[in-house]
Amino acid sequence: MSMLPAAYASPLHLPFNRACLAGRFLLAAPDADPGGEGSWLVMRGNDLLVAGSPDHPLLPGGEFDAGEGLYLGRWDGRPCRLLRLSQETPVPDGLRAENLMAAEPVLPIELLSLGGLGRMILHWERHSRYCPACSAPMARLAGEWGKHCAACGLQHFPQIAPCAIVLVRRPGEVLLTRKPEWPIYRYSLGAGFIEFGECLEEAAAREVLEETGVRVASPRYLGSQSWPFPSQLMCGFVADWAGGEVAVDTTELADARWFPVDALPSLPPKRSIARYILDSELGRD
C-alpha cells in the first residue's frame, strides 16, 4: 500500500519536489564534507536501498565497502552521502530495494523525493566527467556543484531539461495519449521537451499539434514537478481545444483520443503532475 498522500494541496507538494523533504535535508557542495559517519543514499538504478521496517524505512548508516560516497549535505542533521551501486550488485544484508518509479511507492514522500534528487545528481555526475568542448577531464568548482575544464577553461553547470505537459479540454471531454511502453489502457497527457526559441506555452501547443493533430488555445500554467527520470522539470498546463481532428503520430504514440470526463481510462499514478492536473481540473477525489 502506498505511503504517499491521497491528494496534494498544490503541485509544490508533489513527490520529487524539494518542498517534500520537509526541512529534513540541506543540500551542500561536495567539497563541504565534514567527515565522520552519517547516512547513506544508496542508489541502484531506479532503486533506493533502505533499512528499517517496511512501515518505517530509514536511510542506512555506518560504513560501506563500496568506496567513498559523494557528499550531498545533511539529512536530519547528519552528513548524507550518495553511493551508486551497479544493477548487478546484490542488495547488502539488512537492506532492501524500493523502486522510485513504482506506481504505488512504499516509501514515504521524504525518502522518495530524496532518492529522486540523488538520481538527478548521479545523472549529472555521469554526464559531466569530460569537457563537452575539448574532451578533457572536468574538475569540481569549489563550493558548488558546477565543474570546470583545466584544459580550455569551460565551466559547466547541472542542466535540467524543461518539458511542457498539457491537458486539452473541450466540453465534456479531455484529450489523452498513450505511449507503446505503457500498461494496456493506461493514458496520460501529451508532453515534450522545449525547443530552441520556445516559451513554455508555445511548446505545449506545438507538442499537442505534432503528436495528435489537434490545435489548442489559451494554454494556462498550473504548476511544475521535478522529474528525476533522468533530469527533467515538468511544467503543467491546461488548454482549450481550438480545432483539428485527432491524427496520431505513431512514431511517438500508440494512441490518442477524446474521452468523456465520466468514462476515463486507467490514469497515471498520483505521484505525477499528469494525474494532479487531471484530478484538479476535473474535480476528481
Protein backbone atom coordinates (compact mmCIF):
# COMPACT_ATOMS: atom_id res chain seq x y z
CA MET A 1 0.00 0.00 0.00
CA SER A 2 1.30 3.44 -0.95
CA MET A 3 2.69 5.66 1.81
CA LEU A 4 2.03 8.82 -0.23
CA PRO A 5 -0.81 11.28 0.48
CA ALA A 6 -4.15 10.61 -1.19
CA ALA A 7 -4.12 14.16 -2.61
CA TYR A 8 -1.84 17.19 -2.83
CA ALA A 9 -2.65 20.76 -1.85
CA SER A 10 -0.68 22.11 -4.82
CA PRO A 11 1.94 20.96 -7.36
CA LEU A 12 4.60 22.25 -4.97
CA HIS A 13 3.83 19.28 -2.71
CA LEU A 14 4.13 16.58 -5.38
CA PRO A 15 6.80 13.89 -4.90
CA PHE A 16 10.34 14.68 -6.08
CA ASN A 17 9.97 18.42 -5.38
CA ARG A 18 12.37 19.62 -2.72
CA ALA A 19 9.48 21.00 -0.64
CA CYS A 20 8.60 17.37 0.16
CA LEU A 21 11.81 16.96 2.15
CA ALA A 22 10.05 18.79 5.00
CA GLY A 23 13.17 20.61 6.14
CA ARG A 24 15.00 17.34 6.85
CA PHE A 25 17.57 17.81 4.10
CA LEU A 26 20.02 20.65 3.44
CA LEU A 27 21.90 20.46 0.13
CA ALA A 28 25.60 21.38 0.28
CA ALA A 29 28.57 21.32 -2.08
CA PRO A 30 30.50 18.02 -2.38
CA ASP A 31 33.69 19.61 -1.03
CA ALA A 32 31.94 20.58 2.23
CA ASP A 33 32.00 17.03 3.63
CA PRO A 34 32.76 17.33 7.36
CA GLY A 35 33.83 13.68 7.63
CA GLY A 36 32.58 11.15 10.15
CA GLU A 37 29.68 8.75 9.99
CA GLY A 38 26.30 9.74 8.66
CA SER A 39 23.51 8.49 6.42
CA TRP A 40 23.86 6.87 3.02
CA LEU A 41 21.67 7.46 -0.02
CA VAL A 42 22.37 4.20 -1.84
CA MET A 43 21.06 4.06 -5.41
CA ARG A 44 20.92 1.04 -7.71
CA GLY A 45 19.32 2.15 -10.97
CA ASN A 46 15.85 3.38 -10.07
CA ASP A 47 16.01 1.62 -6.70
CA LEU A 48 16.72 3.25 -3.36
CA LEU A 49 18.20 0.87 -0.79
CA VAL A 50 16.74 1.34 2.66
CA ALA A 51 16.95 -0.16 6.13
CA GLY A 52 14.30 -0.28 8.85
CA SER A 53 10.91 -1.94 8.82
CA PRO A 54 8.51 -1.77 5.86
CA ASP A 55 6.31 0.72 7.72
CA HIS A 56 9.28 2.80 8.88
CA PRO A 57 12.03 2.78 6.22
CA LEU A 58 15.31 4.52 7.02
CA LEU A 59 18.48 5.51 5.24
CA PRO A 60 21.29 3.15 6.22
CA GLY A 61 24.12 4.47 8.36
CA GLY A 62 27.62 3.34 9.21
CA GLU A 63 30.28 2.43 6.68
CA PHE A 64 30.03 0.85 3.21
CA ASP A 65 32.66 -1.24 1.46
CA ALA A 66 31.66 0.03 -1.97
CA GLY A 67 34.02 3.02 -1.99
CA GLU A 68 33.81 6.62 -0.97
CA GLY A 69 30.41 8.27 -1.36
CA LEU A 70 29.64 11.72 -2.74
CA TYR A 71 28.70 14.23 -0.06
CA LEU A 72 25.24 15.75 -0.62
CA GLY A 73 24.57 17.73 2.53
CA ARG A 74 22.77 16.94 5.79
CA TRP A 75 19.84 14.60 6.38
CA ASP A 76 18.26 15.00 9.81
CA GLY A 77 21.36 16.97 10.82
CA ARG A 78 23.84 14.22 9.90
CA PRO A 79 26.20 14.06 6.91
CA CYS A 80 24.49 12.40 3.93
CA ARG A 81 26.49 10.75 1.17
CA LEU A 82 25.39 9.36 -2.17
CA LEU A 83 26.55 5.94 -3.34
CA ARG A 84 25.81 4.31 -6.68
CA LEU A 85 25.73 0.52 -6.96
CA SER A 86 25.59 -1.30 -10.28
CA GLN A 87 22.45 -3.22 -11.19
CA GLU A 88 24.42 -6.45 -10.79
CA THR A 89 25.44 -5.70 -7.20
CA PRO A 90 23.48 -7.83 -4.70
CA VAL A 91 21.47 -5.92 -2.13
CA PRO A 92 23.58 -5.84 1.06
CA ASP A 93 22.32 -7.77 4.07
CA GLY A 94 19.87 -5.79 6.16
CA LEU A 95 18.76 -3.58 3.26
CA ARG A 96 16.01 -3.84 0.68
CA ALA A 97 15.46 -2.17 -2.70
CA GLU A 98 12.45 0.09 -3.24
CA ASN A 99 11.72 1.35 -6.76
CA LEU A 100 11.31 5.10 -7.15
CA MET A 101 9.09 4.63 -10.21
CA ALA A 102 6.61 2.26 -8.58
CA ALA A 103 3.03 3.24 -9.34
CA GLU A 104 2.25 2.92 -5.63
CA PRO A 105 5.52 3.74 -3.84
CA VAL A 106 6.04 2.16 -0.44
CA LEU A 107 8.48 4.88 0.58
CA PRO A 108 7.37 7.99 2.48
CA ILE A 109 7.36 11.12 0.36
CA GLU A 110 10.53 12.45 2.01
CA LEU A 111 12.65 9.41 1.11
CA LEU A 112 11.06 9.10 -2.33
CA SER A 113 11.93 12.73 -3.07
CA LEU A 114 15.44 12.45 -1.65
CA GLY A 115 16.02 9.37 -3.80
CA GLY A 116 14.87 11.35 -6.85
CA LEU A 117 17.33 14.12 -6.01
CA GLY A 118 20.09 11.55 -5.72
CA ARG A 119 19.18 10.08 -9.10
CA MET A 120 19.38 13.50 -10.76
CA ILE A 121 22.79 14.11 -9.21
CA LEU A 122 24.07 10.74 -10.45
CA HIS A 123 22.85 11.67 -13.94
CA TRP A 124 24.81 14.93 -13.70
CA GLU A 125 27.90 13.13 -12.45
CA ARG A 126 27.82 10.61 -15.31
CA HIS A 127 27.45 13.31 -17.95
CA SER A 128 29.94 15.83 -16.61
CA ARG A 129 33.11 13.76 -16.36
CA TYR A 130 34.59 15.17 -19.56
CA CYS A 131 34.50 18.61 -21.13
CA PRO A 132 31.90 18.84 -23.94
CA ALA A 133 34.18 21.29 -25.80
CA CYS A 134 37.59 19.55 -25.73
CA SER A 135 37.00 16.17 -24.01
CA ALA A 136 39.49 16.82 -21.21
CA PRO A 137 38.52 15.66 -17.69
CA MET A 138 36.36 18.09 -15.72
CA ALA A 139 37.14 19.15 -12.13
CA ARG A 140 34.79 20.48 -9.47
CA LEU A 141 34.36 24.17 -8.82
CA ALA A 142 34.95 24.98 -5.17
CA GLY A 143 31.86 25.37 -3.05
CA GLU A 144 29.26 24.36 -5.67
CA TRP A 145 28.05 21.60 -7.99
CA GLY A 146 29.49 23.14 -11.17
CA LYS A 147 32.65 21.87 -12.87
CA HIS A 148 35.41 23.42 -14.97
CA CYS A 149 37.87 22.26 -17.57
CA ALA A 150 41.51 22.99 -16.74
CA ALA A 151 42.43 22.50 -20.41
CA CYS A 152 40.13 25.02 -22.11
CA GLY A 153 38.56 26.89 -19.18
CA LEU A 154 34.93 25.97 -19.90
CA GLN A 155 32.59 26.00 -16.90
CA HIS A 156 29.73 23.52 -16.84
CA PHE A 157 26.74 23.50 -14.50
CA PRO A 158 23.95 20.98 -13.79
CA GLN A 159 21.38 21.03 -16.55
CA ILE A 160 17.68 20.35 -16.01
CA ALA A 161 15.60 19.81 -19.16
CA PRO A 162 12.26 21.70 -19.15
CA CYS A 163 9.23 19.89 -20.58
CA ALA A 164 5.67 21.04 -21.18
CA ILE A 165 2.83 18.68 -20.25
CA VAL A 166 -0.71 19.71 -21.16
CA LEU A 167 -4.32 18.70 -20.59
CA VAL A 168 -6.53 19.61 -23.57
CA ARG A 169 -10.23 20.12 -22.82
CA ARG A 170 -13.42 20.60 -24.77
CA PRO A 171 -16.97 20.46 -23.40
CA GLY A 172 -17.41 17.12 -21.62
CA GLU A 173 -14.18 15.59 -22.95
CA VAL A 174 -10.41 15.51 -22.48
CA LEU A 175 -7.69 14.53 -24.94
CA LEU A 176 -5.44 11.74 -23.61
CA THR A 177 -2.48 9.93 -25.14
CA ARG A 178 -0.78 6.57 -24.68
CA LYS A 179 2.81 5.53 -25.34
CA PRO A 180 3.56 2.00 -26.58
CA GLU A 181 5.55 1.02 -23.48
CA TRP A 182 2.79 1.92 -21.00
CA PRO A 183 0.44 -0.65 -19.44
CA ILE A 184 -2.56 -1.57 -21.55
CA TYR A 185 -5.30 1.07 -21.45
CA ARG A 186 -3.08 3.50 -19.45
CA TYR A 187 -3.44 7.03 -20.83
CA SER A 188 -1.91 10.32 -19.80
CA LEU A 189 -1.27 13.86 -21.08
CA GLY A 190 0.71 14.98 -24.08
CA ALA A 191 4.21 16.19 -23.18
CA GLY A 192 7.53 17.06 -24.73
CA PHE A 193 10.81 18.95 -24.42
CA ILE A 194 11.18 22.66 -25.05
CA GLU A 195 12.80 23.51 -28.38
CA PHE A 196 15.11 26.40 -29.30
CA GLY A 197 13.44 29.79 -29.03
CA GLU A 198 10.21 28.50 -27.49
CA CYS A 199 8.44 29.65 -24.39
CA LEU A 200 6.59 27.03 -22.36
CA GLU A 201 3.19 27.94 -23.80
CA GLU A 202 4.47 27.60 -27.36
CA ALA A 203 5.97 24.20 -26.58
CA ALA A 204 2.71 22.99 -25.04
CA ALA A 205 0.75 23.94 -28.17
CA ARG A 206 3.36 22.52 -30.57
CA GLU A 207 3.63 19.17 -28.78
CA VAL A 208 -0.13 18.62 -28.88
CA LEU A 209 -0.28 19.55 -32.56
CA GLU A 210 2.67 17.35 -33.52
CA GLU A 211 1.54 14.31 -31.56
CA THR A 212 -2.22 14.45 -32.13
CA GLY A 213 -3.02 16.93 -34.92
CA VAL A 214 -5.15 18.98 -32.51
CA ARG A 215 -4.80 22.75 -32.21
CA VAL A 216 -5.12 24.39 -28.80
CA ALA A 217 -5.79 27.88 -27.48
CA SER A 218 -5.23 29.72 -24.20
CA PRO A 219 -2.66 27.41 -22.54
CA ARG A 220 -2.70 28.19 -18.80
CA TYR A 221 0.17 27.31 -16.47
CA LEU A 222 -0.79 25.21 -13.42
CA GLY A 223 2.50 24.28 -11.74
CA SER A 224 5.58 22.12 -12.09
CA GLN A 225 7.21 18.95 -10.81
CA SER A 226 10.83 17.88 -10.64
CA TRP A 227 11.08 14.61 -12.58
CA PRO A 228 14.33 12.69 -11.99
CA PHE A 229 13.97 10.17 -14.83
CA PRO A 230 16.58 11.20 -15.65
CA SER A 231 16.58 15.00 -15.11
CA GLN A 232 13.52 16.99 -16.21
CA LEU A 233 11.25 19.74 -14.95
CA MET A 234 7.65 19.01 -15.95
CA CYS A 235 5.73 22.27 -16.49
CA GLY A 236 1.98 21.66 -16.41
CA PHE A 237 -0.69 23.40 -18.50
CA VAL A 238 -4.36 23.14 -19.34
CA ALA A 239 -5.53 24.36 -22.77
CA ASP A 240 -8.74 24.60 -24.77
CA TRP A 241 -9.41 22.71 -27.99
CA ALA A 242 -9.26 25.13 -30.93
CA GLY A 243 -9.83 22.72 -33.82
CA GLY A 244 -8.47 19.74 -35.67
CA GLU A 245 -9.26 16.03 -35.67
CA VAL A 246 -7.08 13.51 -33.91
CA ALA A 247 -4.27 12.19 -36.14
CA VAL A 248 -1.84 10.14 -34.07
CA ASP A 249 1.91 10.49 -34.62
CA THR A 250 2.75 6.79 -34.43
CA THR A 251 6.48 7.49 -34.08
CA GLU A 252 5.71 8.93 -30.63
CA LEU A 253 2.40 7.44 -29.51
CA ALA A 254 0.41 4.23 -29.61
CA ASP A 255 -2.90 6.10 -29.39
CA ALA A 256 -4.58 9.41 -28.70
CA ARG A 257 -8.30 10.02 -28.34
CA TRP A 258 -11.00 12.08 -26.70
CA PHE A 259 -12.51 10.56 -23.56
CA PRO A 260 -15.73 11.61 -21.83
CA VAL A 261 -14.89 13.03 -18.42
CA ASP A 262 -17.22 10.47 -16.82
CA ALA A 263 -15.66 7.49 -18.66
CA LEU A 264 -11.90 7.88 -18.30
CA PRO A 265 -9.37 5.08 -18.90
CA SER A 266 -6.67 4.00 -16.48
CA LEU A 267 -4.79 7.15 -15.49
CA PRO A 268 -1.17 7.82 -14.45
CA PRO A 269 -0.17 7.30 -10.82
CA LYS A 270 -0.97 10.01 -8.29
CA ARG A 271 2.74 10.66 -7.76
CA SER A 272 2.83 12.51 -11.13
CA ILE A 273 1.86 16.03 -12.17
CA ALA A 274 -0.15 14.50 -15.02
CA ARG A 275 -2.52 12.93 -12.51
CA TYR A 276 -2.55 16.07 -10.36
CA ILE A 277 -3.69 18.13 -13.36
CA LEU A 278 -6.42 15.64 -14.26
CA ASP A 279 -7.70 15.38 -10.70
CA SER A 280 -7.65 19.11 -10.02
CA GLU A 281 -9.14 20.18 -13.35
CA LEU A 282 -11.87 17.53 -13.40
CA GLY A 283 -12.74 17.77 -9.71
CA ARG A 284 -11.76 14.18 -9.00
CA ASP A 285 -11.06 12.95 -5.46
